[in-house]
Amino acid sequence: MENTTKPSTARAVFARNLRIARRLNDVSQEALALQAGMSRTYVSEIERGERNVSIDNMGALADALGVALRDLVDPEMFGGLLEKANK
């Protein structure tokens, strides 16, 4: 079960939103990493909030998913989806 509490840091917001956007697009971590020019391990660490990702890499990940970077850093962007998914 996923944590439904609001992320407490910008890193946590990006991590949560990246994972949700990737899953909504039905893209594996490996495919996303290849498209963005990164390793799968790095993408996994970003999604778990273990990496302090640069703005350039944030942009590359957003582009690879075809979403606006602003959506990946918006704490309210995917909040409703988590609530619906957990009902």
Protein backbone atom coordinates (compact mmCIF):
# COMPACT_ATOMS: atom_id res chain seq x y z
CA MET A 1 0.00 0.00 0.00
CA GLU A 2 1.34 3.43 -0.96
CA ASN A 3 1.75 6.24 1.53
CA THR A 4 -1.09 8.75 1.05
CA THR A 5 0.34 11.50 3.23
CA LYS A 6 1.59 14.66 1.58
CA PRO A 7 5.28 14.53 0.78
CA SER A 8 7.23 16.77 3.13
CA THR A 9 10.03 17.92 0.80
CA ALA A 10 10.39 19.01 -2.81
CA ARG A 11 12.46 15.86 -3.38
CA ALA A 12 9.64 13.69 -2.03
CA VAL A 13 7.05 15.49 -4.20
CA PHE A 14 9.15 14.93 -7.31
CA ALA A 15 9.79 11.30 -6.40
CA ARG A 16 6.09 10.56 -5.83
CA ASN A 17 4.91 12.41 -8.94
CA LEU A 18 7.58 10.85 -11.15
CA ARG A 19 6.58 7.35 -10.07
CA ILE A 20 2.87 8.05 -10.57
CA ALA A 21 3.41 9.66 -13.99
CA ARG A 22 5.60 6.75 -15.08
CA ARG A 23 3.00 4.20 -13.98
CA LEU A 24 0.15 6.14 -15.62
CA ASN A 25 2.10 6.04 -18.87
CA ASP A 26 2.78 2.32 -18.38
CA VAL A 27 6.53 2.82 -18.68
CA SER A 28 9.08 0.69 -16.85
CA GLN A 29 11.93 2.27 -14.92
CA GLU A 30 14.32 0.73 -17.45
CA ALA A 31 12.48 2.21 -20.45
CA LEU A 32 12.29 5.62 -18.77
CA ALA A 33 15.96 5.51 -17.92
CA LEU A 34 16.93 4.62 -21.49
CA GLN A 35 14.76 7.39 -22.92
CA ALA A 36 16.19 9.94 -20.47
CA GLY A 37 19.81 8.78 -20.86
CA MET A 38 20.17 7.54 -17.29
CA SER A 39 20.64 4.23 -15.52
CA ARG A 40 17.66 2.29 -14.17
CA THR A 41 19.27 2.28 -10.73
CA TYR A 42 19.45 6.08 -10.75
CA VAL A 43 15.76 6.37 -11.74
CA SER A 44 14.85 3.92 -8.98
CA GLU A 45 16.81 5.94 -6.42
CA ILE A 46 15.10 9.14 -7.57
CA GLU A 47 11.66 7.54 -7.22
CA ARG A 48 12.52 6.40 -3.70
CA GLY A 49 13.66 9.92 -2.79
CA GLU A 50 17.23 8.80 -2.21
CA ARG A 51 18.81 11.08 -4.84
CA ASN A 52 19.04 14.84 -4.96
CA VAL A 53 18.30 15.11 -8.68
CA SER A 54 19.51 18.08 -10.75
CA ILE A 55 17.07 20.33 -12.59
CA ASP A 56 18.59 19.14 -15.89
CA ASN A 57 17.82 15.51 -15.03
CA MET A 58 14.35 16.46 -13.81
CA GLY A 59 13.73 18.04 -17.21
CA ALA A 60 15.08 15.00 -19.06
CA LEU A 61 12.76 12.69 -17.09
CA ALA A 62 9.76 14.95 -17.70
CA ASP A 63 10.54 15.08 -21.42
CA ALA A 64 10.98 11.31 -21.58
CA LEU A 65 7.51 10.87 -20.05
CA GLY A 66 5.95 13.61 -22.15
CA VAL A 67 4.77 15.59 -19.13
CA ALA A 68 5.48 19.15 -18.06
CA LEU A 69 8.19 19.48 -15.43
CA ARG A 70 5.86 21.75 -13.45
CA ASP A 71 3.50 18.78 -13.04
CA LEU A 72 6.25 16.67 -11.50
CA VAL A 73 7.02 19.31 -8.86
CA ASP A 74 3.39 20.23 -8.06
CA PRO A 75 2.44 18.73 -4.67
CA GLU A 76 -1.26 18.78 -5.62
CA MET A 77 -0.88 17.28 -9.11
CA PHE A 78 -1.47 13.60 -8.41
CA GLY A 79 -2.86 13.74 -4.87
CA GLY A 80 -6.40 12.92 -5.97
CA LEU A 81 -5.25 9.86 -7.87
CA LEU A 82 -3.70 8.40 -4.73
CA GLU A 83 -6.91 8.89 -2.79
CA LYS A 84 -9.00 7.22 -5.54
CA ALA A 85 -6.54 4.35 -5.88
CA ASN A 86 -6.66 3.59 -2.17
CA LYS A 87 -10.49 3.45 -1.93
